[in-house]
Amino acid sequence: MKLTLKKSNRDNTPEIMRQARYRYMGQSGDQQSFVRSVSQNPYPRFHVYLKEDKQTKEVFFTLHLDQKRMSYKGSNAHSGDYDGELLKEESQRIKDIFEK
């Protein structure tokens, strides 16, 4: 699921993600990765990749739900959901926190 939000000059995107109970997982190129567990177990978990455009002050989110860890060593493939009601609710929750 994709989401684009406008940020103000005072917005600190990593801090907003912490407020949304996401933890930072790392950076790959110009994208940052954040995750939030759905339960006390590591999986399933919401996984967000975000990219900021400093010129337009837009933040581009790609959100999915990791159902389990990757199956094969050296593989990035895993069982994930990329749309559905749960992801719509989570994207709205992020948007609400971001726009406070």
C-alpha atoms as a PDB file:
ATOM      1  CA  MET A   1       0.000   0.000   0.000  1.00  0.00           C
ATOM      2  CA  LYS A   2       1.365   3.413  -0.919  1.00  0.00           C
ATOM      3  CA  LEU A   3       0.811   6.676   0.907  1.00  0.00           C
ATOM      4  CA  THR A   4       2.144  10.183   0.225  1.00  0.00           C
ATOM      5  CA  LEU A   5       2.090  12.852   2.924  1.00  0.00           C
ATOM      6  CA  LYS A   6       3.219  16.459   2.999  1.00  0.00           C
ATOM      7  CA  LYS A   7       5.458  17.480   5.882  1.00  0.00           C
ATOM      8  CA  SER A   8       6.090  20.855   7.450  1.00  0.00           C
ATOM      9  CA  ASN A   9       9.528  22.337   8.117  1.00  0.00           C
ATOM     10  CA  ARG A  10       9.324  21.304  11.774  1.00  0.00           C
ATOM     11  CA  ASP A  11       8.445  17.653  11.123  1.00  0.00           C
ATOM     12  CA  ASN A  12      11.076  15.082  12.046  1.00  0.00           C
ATOM     13  CA  THR A  13       9.996  11.933  10.207  1.00  0.00           C
ATOM     14  CA  PRO A  14      11.929   9.385  12.353  1.00  0.00           C
ATOM     15  CA  GLU A  15      10.450  10.960  15.512  1.00  0.00           C
ATOM     16  CA  ILE A  16       6.932  10.752  14.061  1.00  0.00           C
ATOM     17  CA  MET A  17       7.504   7.082  13.247  1.00  0.00           C
ATOM     18  CA  ARG A  18       8.619   6.484  16.862  1.00  0.00           C
ATOM     19  CA  GLN A  19       5.410   8.163  18.051  1.00  0.00           C
ATOM     20  CA  ALA A  20       3.544   5.685  15.826  1.00  0.00           C
ATOM     21  CA  ARG A  21       5.425   2.878  17.695  1.00  0.00           C
ATOM     22  CA  TYR A  22       7.670   1.970  14.755  1.00  0.00           C
ATOM     23  CA  ARG A  23      11.323   1.159  15.222  1.00  0.00           C
ATOM     24  CA  TYR A  24      14.059   2.015  12.783  1.00  0.00           C
ATOM     25  CA  MET A  25      15.509  -0.964  10.892  1.00  0.00           C
ATOM     26  CA  GLY A  26      18.025   0.714   8.610  1.00  0.00           C
ATOM     27  CA  GLN A  27      18.535   2.517   5.360  1.00  0.00           C
ATOM     28  CA  SER A  28      18.942   1.222   1.834  1.00  0.00           C
ATOM     29  CA  GLY A  29      19.893   3.916  -0.640  1.00  0.00           C
ATOM     30  CA  ASP A  30      17.465   6.790  -0.173  1.00  0.00           C
ATOM     31  CA  GLN A  31      14.826   4.707   1.670  1.00  0.00           C
ATOM     32  CA  GLN A  32      14.478   4.238   5.417  1.00  0.00           C
ATOM     33  CA  SER A  33      12.911   1.086   6.851  1.00  0.00           C
ATOM     34  CA  PHE A  34      10.684   0.924   9.963  1.00  0.00           C
ATOM     35  CA  VAL A  35       8.727  -1.948  11.539  1.00  0.00           C
ATOM     36  CA  ARG A  36       5.960  -2.311  14.141  1.00  0.00           C
ATOM     37  CA  SER A  37       5.006  -5.693  15.580  1.00  0.00           C
ATOM     38  CA  VAL A  38       1.327  -6.583  15.691  1.00  0.00           C
ATOM     39  CA  SER A  39       1.782  -8.763  18.798  1.00  0.00           C
ATOM     40  CA  GLN A  40       4.528  -9.695  21.242  1.00  0.00           C
ATOM     41  CA  ASN A  41       5.927 -12.065  18.620  1.00  0.00           C
ATOM     42  CA  PRO A  42       8.288 -10.757  15.929  1.00  0.00           C
ATOM     43  CA  TYR A  43       5.785 -11.656  13.173  1.00  0.00           C
ATOM     44  CA  PRO A  44       3.414 -10.597  11.814  1.00  0.00           C
ATOM     45  CA  ARG A  45       4.640  -7.011  11.661  1.00  0.00           C
ATOM     46  CA  PHE A  46       3.938  -3.861   9.704  1.00  0.00           C
ATOM     47  CA  HIS A  47       6.895  -2.848   7.555  1.00  0.00           C
ATOM     48  CA  VAL A  48       7.257   0.656   6.127  1.00  0.00           C
ATOM     49  CA  TYR A  49       9.762   1.907   3.587  1.00  0.00           C
ATOM     50  CA  LEU A  50       9.806   5.659   3.344  1.00  0.00           C
ATOM     51  CA  LYS A  51      11.536   8.144   1.131  1.00  0.00           C
ATOM     52  CA  GLU A  52      11.607  11.892   1.679  1.00  0.00           C
ATOM     53  CA  ASP A  53      11.704  14.500  -1.073  1.00  0.00           C
ATOM     54  CA  LYS A  54      13.360  17.495   0.550  1.00  0.00           C
ATOM     55  CA  GLN A  55      12.396  19.838  -2.293  1.00  0.00           C
ATOM     56  CA  THR A  56       8.647  19.149  -2.298  1.00  0.00           C
ATOM     57  CA  LYS A  57       8.571  18.229   1.435  1.00  0.00           C
ATOM     58  CA  GLU A  58       6.678  15.043   0.591  1.00  0.00           C
ATOM     59  CA  VAL A  59       7.186  11.691   2.288  1.00  0.00           C
ATOM     60  CA  PHE A  60       6.424   8.575   0.241  1.00  0.00           C
ATOM     61  CA  PHE A  61       5.434   5.497   2.249  1.00  0.00           C
ATOM     62  CA  THR A  62       5.258   1.902   1.072  1.00  0.00           C
ATOM     63  CA  LEU A  63       3.514  -0.223   3.702  1.00  0.00           C
ATOM     64  CA  HIS A  64       3.058  -3.983   3.866  1.00  0.00           C
ATOM     65  CA  LEU A  65       2.432  -6.660   6.481  1.00  0.00           C
ATOM     66  CA  ASP A  66       5.218  -9.232   6.891  1.00  0.00           C
ATOM     67  CA  GLN A  67       3.484 -12.491   7.843  1.00  0.00           C
ATOM     68  CA  LYS A  68       6.686 -14.430   8.536  1.00  0.00           C
ATOM     69  CA  ARG A  69      10.444 -14.213   8.231  1.00  0.00           C
ATOM     70  CA  MET A  70      12.081 -14.942   4.876  1.00  0.00           C
ATOM     71  CA  SER A  71      12.039 -18.624   3.999  1.00  0.00           C
ATOM     72  CA  TYR A  72      15.446 -19.203   2.423  1.00  0.00           C
ATOM     73  CA  LYS A  73      18.877 -18.006   3.485  1.00  0.00           C
ATOM     74  CA  GLY A  74      20.078 -15.222   1.224  1.00  0.00           C
ATOM     75  CA  SER A  75      16.568 -14.537  -0.058  1.00  0.00           C
ATOM     76  CA  ASN A  76      14.547 -11.396   0.526  1.00  0.00           C
ATOM     77  CA  ALA A  77      11.295 -13.173  -0.319  1.00  0.00           C
ATOM     78  CA  HIS A  78       8.779 -13.536   2.489  1.00  0.00           C
ATOM     79  CA  SER A  79       5.062 -13.926   2.917  1.00  0.00           C
ATOM     80  CA  GLY A  80       3.591 -10.444   2.923  1.00  0.00           C
ATOM     81  CA  ASP A  81       0.273  -8.682   2.432  1.00  0.00           C
ATOM     82  CA  TYR A  82       0.294  -5.511   0.349  1.00  0.00           C
ATOM     83  CA  ASP A  83      -3.352  -4.464   0.517  1.00  0.00           C
ATOM     84  CA  GLY A  84      -6.473  -5.083   2.537  1.00  0.00           C
ATOM     85  CA  GLU A  85      -8.496  -3.581   5.349  1.00  0.00           C
ATOM     86  CA  LEU A  86      -5.797  -3.970   8.011  1.00  0.00           C
ATOM     87  CA  LEU A  87      -3.299  -2.064   5.879  1.00  0.00           C
ATOM     88  CA  LYS A  88      -5.858   0.659   5.120  1.00  0.00           C
ATOM     89  CA  GLU A  89      -6.451   1.107   8.846  1.00  0.00           C
ATOM     90  CA  GLU A  90      -2.717   1.232   9.586  1.00  0.00           C
ATOM     91  CA  SER A  91      -2.033   3.744   6.811  1.00  0.00           C
ATOM     92  CA  GLN A  92      -4.826   5.954   8.180  1.00  0.00           C
ATOM     93  CA  ARG A  93      -3.335   5.652  11.679  1.00  0.00           C
ATOM     94  CA  ILE A  94       0.081   6.766  10.370  1.00  0.00           C
ATOM     95  CA  LYS A  95      -1.525   9.618   8.470  1.00  0.00           C
ATOM     96  CA  ASP A  96      -3.416  10.790  11.573  1.00  0.00           C
ATOM     97  CA  ILE A  97      -0.227  10.782  13.671  1.00  0.00           C
ATOM     98  CA  PHE A  98       1.759  12.477  10.920  1.00  0.00           C
ATOM     99  CA  GLU A  99      -0.819  15.263  10.492  1.00  0.00           C
ATOM    100  CA  LYS A 100      -1.160  16.105  14.216  1.00  0.00           C
END
